[in-house]
Amino acid sequence: GSLVVNYPFDDDEQGIAVYSKSPDDAVFQMLALAYSKENAKMYQGSPCKDMYPTEYFPHGITNGAQWYNVPGGMQDWNYLHTNCFEVTIELGCVKYPRAEELPKYWAQNRRSLLQFMKQV
């Protein structure tokens, strides 16, 4: 897990981790930023320092392929084949948080989710 908003494309033609710009890259960045700006820890860009000390996401967002290459990912497929604009929101450094921690996740992401819905 991590704390970041990831947007298309998730892979590139060479299959390496480099920025892979979609035709709607500016829109995807705007959507990703709308979410991350409302989550202070995400927006700082280095949320999982103990687990991933070198990982940094400027303003809490990243192009999927620049982070790591995922050929055939759902957000790319939906974008290319159904014109659905999809982002992947990673909500925390722990992939499977305990049930008692869920209210904390809600508090950290409530405003982000509302701002994200406003973008529609």
N, C-alpha and C. Protein backbone atom coordinates (compact mmCIF):
# COMPACT_ATOMS: atom_id res chain seq x y z
N GLY A 1 0.80 -1.18 0.00
CA GLY A 1 0.00 0.00 0.00
C GLY A 1 0.85 1.26 0.00
N SER A 2 0.20 2.35 -0.30
CA SER A 2 0.83 3.65 -0.26
C SER A 2 -0.27 4.69 -0.04
N LEU A 3 0.08 5.94 -0.12
CA LEU A 3 -0.88 7.02 0.05
C LEU A 3 -0.67 7.98 -1.11
N VAL A 4 -1.41 7.75 -2.20
CA VAL A 4 -1.18 8.48 -3.44
C VAL A 4 -2.38 8.29 -4.37
N VAL A 5 -2.56 9.24 -5.30
CA VAL A 5 -3.53 9.07 -6.38
C VAL A 5 -2.72 8.83 -7.65
N ASN A 6 -2.99 7.72 -8.29
CA ASN A 6 -2.27 7.27 -9.47
C ASN A 6 -3.21 7.40 -10.68
N TYR A 7 -2.70 7.94 -11.78
CA TYR A 7 -3.54 8.18 -12.96
C TYR A 7 -2.88 7.60 -14.22
N PRO A 8 -3.68 7.37 -15.28
CA PRO A 8 -3.16 6.75 -16.52
C PRO A 8 -2.10 7.62 -17.21
N PHE A 9 -1.34 6.93 -17.94
CA PHE A 9 -1.29 5.51 -18.24
C PHE A 9 -0.46 4.76 -17.21
N ASP A 10 -0.81 3.47 -17.04
CA ASP A 10 -0.09 2.61 -16.10
C ASP A 10 1.05 1.85 -16.75
N ASP A 11 1.15 1.90 -18.04
CA ASP A 11 2.28 1.25 -18.71
C ASP A 11 2.67 2.06 -19.93
N ASP A 12 3.79 1.67 -20.53
CA ASP A 12 4.25 2.34 -21.73
C ASP A 12 4.69 1.27 -22.73
N GLU A 13 5.00 1.70 -23.94
CA GLU A 13 5.33 0.76 -25.01
C GLU A 13 6.58 -0.05 -24.73
N GLN A 14 7.54 0.48 -23.98
CA GLN A 14 8.78 -0.24 -23.69
C GLN A 14 8.66 -1.15 -22.46
N GLY A 15 7.60 -1.01 -21.69
CA GLY A 15 7.43 -1.83 -20.50
C GLY A 15 8.35 -1.45 -19.35
N ILE A 16 8.77 -0.18 -19.32
CA ILE A 16 9.65 0.29 -18.24
C ILE A 16 8.94 1.39 -17.46
N ALA A 17 9.44 1.70 -16.29
CA ALA A 17 8.83 2.72 -15.44
C ALA A 17 9.26 4.12 -15.87
N VAL A 18 8.51 4.71 -16.79
CA VAL A 18 8.71 6.08 -17.24
C VAL A 18 7.35 6.75 -17.36
N TYR A 19 7.32 8.07 -17.35
CA TYR A 19 6.06 8.81 -17.48
C TYR A 19 5.41 8.43 -18.80
N SER A 20 4.16 8.02 -18.72
CA SER A 20 3.41 7.62 -19.90
C SER A 20 2.16 8.49 -19.99
N LYS A 21 2.26 9.55 -20.75
CA LYS A 21 1.24 10.59 -20.82
C LYS A 21 0.05 10.15 -21.67
N SER A 22 -1.15 10.27 -21.12
CA SER A 22 -2.36 10.00 -21.89
C SER A 22 -2.78 11.30 -22.60
N PRO A 23 -3.66 11.20 -23.59
CA PRO A 23 -4.15 12.42 -24.24
C PRO A 23 -4.85 13.38 -23.28
N ASP A 24 -5.39 12.86 -22.20
CA ASP A 24 -6.10 13.69 -21.21
C ASP A 24 -5.29 13.86 -19.93
N ASP A 25 -3.98 13.90 -20.05
CA ASP A 25 -3.08 13.96 -18.90
C ASP A 25 -3.40 15.13 -17.97
N ALA A 26 -3.68 16.29 -18.52
CA ALA A 26 -3.96 17.47 -17.69
C ALA A 26 -5.24 17.27 -16.87
N VAL A 27 -6.24 16.64 -17.45
CA VAL A 27 -7.49 16.38 -16.74
C VAL A 27 -7.24 15.38 -15.62
N PHE A 28 -6.49 14.32 -15.92
CA PHE A 28 -6.18 13.34 -14.88
C PHE A 28 -5.39 13.97 -13.74
N GLN A 29 -4.45 14.84 -14.04
CA GLN A 29 -3.70 15.51 -12.98
C GLN A 29 -4.63 16.39 -12.14
N MET A 30 -5.55 17.09 -12.78
CA MET A 30 -6.49 17.94 -12.06
C MET A 30 -7.36 17.11 -11.12
N LEU A 31 -7.86 15.96 -11.59
CA LEU A 31 -8.69 15.09 -10.76
C LEU A 31 -7.89 14.54 -9.58
N ALA A 32 -6.67 14.09 -9.86
CA ALA A 32 -5.82 13.53 -8.81
C ALA A 32 -5.50 14.59 -7.75
N LEU A 33 -5.18 15.80 -8.19
CA LEU A 33 -4.87 16.88 -7.25
C LEU A 33 -6.08 17.30 -6.43
N ALA A 34 -7.26 17.27 -7.05
CA ALA A 34 -8.48 17.62 -6.31
C ALA A 34 -8.64 16.70 -5.11
N TYR A 35 -8.29 15.44 -5.27
CA TYR A 35 -8.37 14.49 -4.16
C TYR A 35 -7.23 14.72 -3.16
N SER A 36 -6.01 14.75 -3.65
CA SER A 36 -4.86 14.77 -2.74
C SER A 36 -4.75 16.06 -1.92
N LYS A 37 -5.18 17.17 -2.47
CA LYS A 37 -5.07 18.45 -1.75
C LYS A 37 -5.88 18.45 -0.45
N GLU A 38 -6.92 17.64 -0.39
CA GLU A 38 -7.77 17.60 0.80
C GLU A 38 -7.29 16.58 1.84
N ASN A 39 -6.22 15.85 1.53
CA ASN A 39 -5.64 14.89 2.46
C ASN A 39 -4.21 15.35 2.74
N ALA A 40 -4.01 16.02 3.85
CA ALA A 40 -2.73 16.67 4.14
C ALA A 40 -1.55 15.71 4.08
N LYS A 41 -1.69 14.54 4.64
CA LYS A 41 -0.59 13.58 4.64
C LYS A 41 -0.27 13.11 3.22
N MET A 42 -1.29 12.88 2.43
CA MET A 42 -1.09 12.45 1.04
C MET A 42 -0.40 13.56 0.25
N TYR A 43 -0.88 14.79 0.40
CA TYR A 43 -0.36 15.92 -0.38
C TYR A 43 1.12 16.19 -0.10
N GLN A 44 1.60 15.83 1.09
CA GLN A 44 3.02 16.03 1.41
C GLN A 44 3.93 15.17 0.54
N GLY A 45 3.43 14.03 0.07
CA GLY A 45 4.17 13.25 -0.91
C GLY A 45 5.08 12.16 -0.40
N SER A 46 5.33 12.07 0.89
CA SER A 46 6.21 11.04 1.45
C SER A 46 5.54 10.35 2.63
N PRO A 47 4.42 9.68 2.40
CA PRO A 47 3.64 9.17 3.52
C PRO A 47 4.17 7.90 4.18
N CYS A 48 4.93 7.10 3.47
CA CYS A 48 5.34 5.79 3.99
C CYS A 48 6.85 5.72 4.17
N LYS A 49 7.43 6.72 4.81
CA LYS A 49 8.89 6.81 4.95
C LYS A 49 9.51 5.59 5.63
N ASP A 50 8.81 5.02 6.62
CA ASP A 50 9.36 3.85 7.30
C ASP A 50 9.44 2.64 6.38
N MET A 51 8.45 2.50 5.51
CA MET A 51 8.40 1.34 4.62
C MET A 51 9.16 1.58 3.31
N TYR A 52 9.01 2.77 2.76
CA TYR A 52 9.62 3.12 1.46
C TYR A 52 10.34 4.45 1.60
N PRO A 53 11.55 4.47 2.16
CA PRO A 53 12.23 5.74 2.48
C PRO A 53 12.53 6.62 1.27
N THR A 54 12.65 6.07 0.08
CA THR A 54 12.99 6.89 -1.09
C THR A 54 11.76 7.26 -1.92
N GLU A 55 10.60 6.74 -1.57
CA GLU A 55 9.41 7.01 -2.36
C GLU A 55 8.91 8.43 -2.11
N TYR A 56 8.68 9.17 -3.19
CA TYR A 56 8.18 10.54 -3.08
C TYR A 56 7.22 10.80 -4.24
N PHE A 57 6.06 11.32 -3.93
CA PHE A 57 5.05 11.67 -4.93
C PHE A 57 4.76 13.17 -4.81
N PRO A 58 5.26 13.98 -5.74
CA PRO A 58 4.98 15.42 -5.65
C PRO A 58 3.48 15.69 -5.56
N HIS A 59 3.08 16.38 -4.51
CA HIS A 59 1.68 16.74 -4.25
C HIS A 59 0.77 15.52 -4.10
N GLY A 60 1.35 14.35 -3.82
CA GLY A 60 0.54 13.17 -3.54
C GLY A 60 -0.07 12.50 -4.75
N ILE A 61 0.45 12.79 -5.94
CA ILE A 61 -0.07 12.15 -7.15
C ILE A 61 1.08 11.58 -7.97
N THR A 62 0.75 10.63 -8.84
CA THR A 62 1.76 10.08 -9.73
C THR A 62 1.14 9.49 -10.98
N ASN A 63 1.85 9.58 -12.06
CA ASN A 63 1.51 8.85 -13.27
C ASN A 63 1.81 7.38 -12.98
N GLY A 64 0.87 6.51 -13.27
CA GLY A 64 1.02 5.10 -12.93
C GLY A 64 2.29 4.47 -13.46
N ALA A 65 2.58 4.66 -14.74
CA ALA A 65 3.76 4.04 -15.34
C ALA A 65 5.05 4.60 -14.78
N GLN A 66 5.05 5.85 -14.37
CA GLN A 66 6.26 6.42 -13.79
C GLN A 66 6.55 5.78 -12.42
N TRP A 67 5.49 5.42 -11.71
CA TRP A 67 5.66 4.78 -10.40
C TRP A 67 6.14 3.34 -10.61
N TYR A 68 5.35 2.54 -11.29
CA TYR A 68 5.76 1.19 -11.71
C TYR A 68 4.85 0.75 -12.84
N ASN A 69 5.39 -0.01 -13.75
CA ASN A 69 4.71 -0.43 -14.97
C ASN A 69 3.70 -1.54 -14.69
N VAL A 70 2.44 -1.35 -15.13
CA VAL A 70 1.39 -2.35 -14.97
C VAL A 70 0.71 -2.55 -16.32
N PRO A 71 1.18 -3.48 -17.12
CA PRO A 71 0.53 -3.73 -18.41
C PRO A 71 -0.87 -4.33 -18.22
N GLY A 72 -1.83 -3.83 -18.96
CA GLY A 72 -3.19 -4.36 -18.92
C GLY A 72 -3.98 -4.00 -17.69
N GLY A 73 -3.65 -2.90 -17.04
CA GLY A 73 -4.36 -2.48 -15.83
C GLY A 73 -5.77 -2.00 -16.13
N MET A 74 -6.63 -2.10 -15.11
CA MET A 74 -8.04 -1.73 -15.26
C MET A 74 -8.24 -0.27 -15.63
N GLN A 75 -7.51 0.67 -14.99
CA GLN A 75 -7.78 2.08 -15.30
C GLN A 75 -7.40 2.42 -16.74
N ASP A 76 -6.34 1.82 -17.26
CA ASP A 76 -5.98 2.06 -18.66
C ASP A 76 -7.01 1.42 -19.60
N TRP A 77 -7.42 0.20 -19.30
CA TRP A 77 -8.40 -0.49 -20.15
C TRP A 77 -9.69 0.31 -20.20
N ASN A 78 -10.19 0.74 -19.05
CA ASN A 78 -11.43 1.51 -19.01
C ASN A 78 -11.30 2.81 -19.79
N TYR A 79 -10.18 3.47 -19.66
CA TYR A 79 -9.96 4.73 -20.37
C TYR A 79 -9.94 4.50 -21.89
N LEU A 80 -9.19 3.51 -22.33
CA LEU A 80 -9.02 3.26 -23.76
C LEU A 80 -10.24 2.64 -24.43
N HIS A 81 -10.98 1.80 -23.72
CA HIS A 81 -12.06 1.05 -24.35
C HIS A 81 -13.46 1.52 -24.00
N THR A 82 -13.61 2.32 -22.95
CA THR A 82 -14.96 2.79 -22.59
C THR A 82 -15.01 4.29 -22.37
N ASN A 83 -13.87 4.98 -22.51
CA ASN A 83 -13.77 6.41 -22.29
C ASN A 83 -14.11 6.80 -20.84
N CYS A 84 -13.89 5.87 -19.92
CA CYS A 84 -14.11 6.11 -18.49
C CYS A 84 -12.82 6.65 -17.89
N PHE A 85 -12.90 7.80 -17.26
CA PHE A 85 -11.74 8.40 -16.62
C PHE A 85 -11.62 7.83 -15.22
N GLU A 86 -10.63 7.00 -15.01
CA GLU A 86 -10.47 6.30 -13.74
C GLU A 86 -9.09 6.59 -13.16
N VAL A 87 -9.04 6.78 -11.86
CA VAL A 87 -7.78 6.90 -11.13
C VAL A 87 -7.77 5.83 -10.05
N THR A 88 -6.59 5.51 -9.57
CA THR A 88 -6.46 4.56 -8.47
C THR A 88 -6.02 5.34 -7.24
N ILE A 89 -6.78 5.23 -6.18
CA ILE A 89 -6.48 5.95 -4.95
C ILE A 89 -5.99 4.95 -3.92
N GLU A 90 -4.72 5.07 -3.57
CA GLU A 90 -4.12 4.24 -2.52
C GLU A 90 -4.33 4.99 -1.21
N LEU A 91 -4.99 4.35 -0.24
CA LEU A 91 -5.42 5.04 0.97
C LEU A 91 -4.49 4.93 2.16
N GLY A 92 -3.45 4.14 2.07
CA GLY A 92 -2.56 4.04 3.22
C GLY A 92 -1.41 3.07 3.00
N CYS A 93 -0.45 3.20 3.87
CA CYS A 93 0.77 2.40 3.78
C CYS A 93 0.52 0.93 4.11
N VAL A 94 -0.51 0.67 4.89
CA VAL A 94 -0.88 -0.70 5.25
C VAL A 94 -2.01 -1.15 4.32
N LYS A 95 -1.77 -2.20 3.57
CA LYS A 95 -2.74 -2.64 2.58
C LYS A 95 -4.04 -3.16 3.22
N TYR A 96 -3.94 -3.81 4.37
CA TYR A 96 -5.12 -4.34 5.03
C TYR A 96 -5.19 -3.83 6.48
N PRO A 97 -5.72 -2.62 6.67
CA PRO A 97 -5.78 -2.06 8.03
C PRO A 97 -6.79 -2.81 8.90
N ARG A 98 -6.59 -2.75 10.19
CA ARG A 98 -7.52 -3.37 11.14
C ARG A 98 -8.83 -2.57 11.16
N ALA A 99 -9.90 -3.24 11.48
CA ALA A 99 -11.24 -2.64 11.47
C ALA A 99 -11.31 -1.40 12.36
N GLU A 100 -10.65 -1.42 13.51
CA GLU A 100 -10.73 -0.27 14.42
C GLU A 100 -10.01 0.96 13.87
N GLU A 101 -9.20 0.78 12.83
CA GLU A 101 -8.50 1.92 12.22
C GLU A 101 -9.32 2.58 11.11
N LEU A 102 -10.40 1.96 10.68
CA LEU A 102 -11.18 2.49 9.57
C LEU A 102 -11.76 3.88 9.81
N PRO A 103 -12.23 4.21 11.02
CA PRO A 103 -12.71 5.59 11.25
C PRO A 103 -11.61 6.64 10.97
N LYS A 104 -10.37 6.31 11.28
CA LYS A 104 -9.26 7.24 10.99
C LYS A 104 -9.13 7.45 9.48
N TYR A 105 -9.25 6.37 8.72
CA TYR A 105 -9.18 6.49 7.26
C TYR A 105 -10.32 7.34 6.73
N TRP A 106 -11.51 7.16 7.28
CA TRP A 106 -12.64 7.97 6.87
C TRP A 106 -12.38 9.45 7.15
N ALA A 107 -11.88 9.75 8.34
CA ALA A 107 -11.59 11.15 8.69
C ALA A 107 -10.55 11.76 7.76
N GLN A 108 -9.54 10.99 7.40
CA GLN A 108 -8.48 11.50 6.52
C GLN A 108 -8.94 11.69 5.08
N ASN A 109 -9.98 10.98 4.65
CA ASN A 109 -10.37 10.99 3.24
C ASN A 109 -11.75 11.56 2.94
N ARG A 110 -12.50 11.89 3.97
CA ARG A 110 -13.86 12.41 3.76
C ARG A 110 -13.89 13.64 2.86
N ARG A 111 -13.09 14.63 3.20
CA ARG A 111 -13.06 15.87 2.41
C ARG A 111 -12.54 15.61 1.00
N SER A 112 -11.58 14.72 0.90
CA SER A 112 -11.03 14.36 -0.42
C SER A 112 -12.11 13.74 -1.31
N LEU A 113 -12.90 12.83 -0.73
CA LEU A 113 -13.95 12.18 -1.50
C LEU A 113 -15.01 13.18 -1.94
N LEU A 114 -15.38 14.10 -1.06
CA LEU A 114 -16.36 15.13 -1.43
C LEU A 114 -15.83 16.03 -2.55
N GLN A 115 -14.56 16.42 -2.43
CA GLN A 115 -13.96 17.26 -3.48
C GLN A 115 -13.86 16.50 -4.80
N PHE A 116 -13.53 15.22 -4.73
CA PHE A 116 -13.46 14.39 -5.92
C PHE A 116 -14.82 14.30 -6.60
N MET A 117 -15.89 14.13 -5.82
CA MET A 117 -17.23 14.06 -6.39
C MET A 117 -17.63 15.38 -7.04
N LYS A 118 -17.18 16.48 -6.50
CA LYS A 118 -17.49 17.79 -7.09
C LYS A 118 -16.92 17.91 -8.50
N GLN A 119 -15.85 17.21 -8.79
CA GLN A 119 -15.21 17.29 -10.10
C GLN A 119 -16.11 16.71 -11.21
N VAL A 120 -17.02 15.81 -10.84
CA VAL A 120 -17.90 15.20 -11.82
C VAL A 120 -18.77 16.27 -12.47
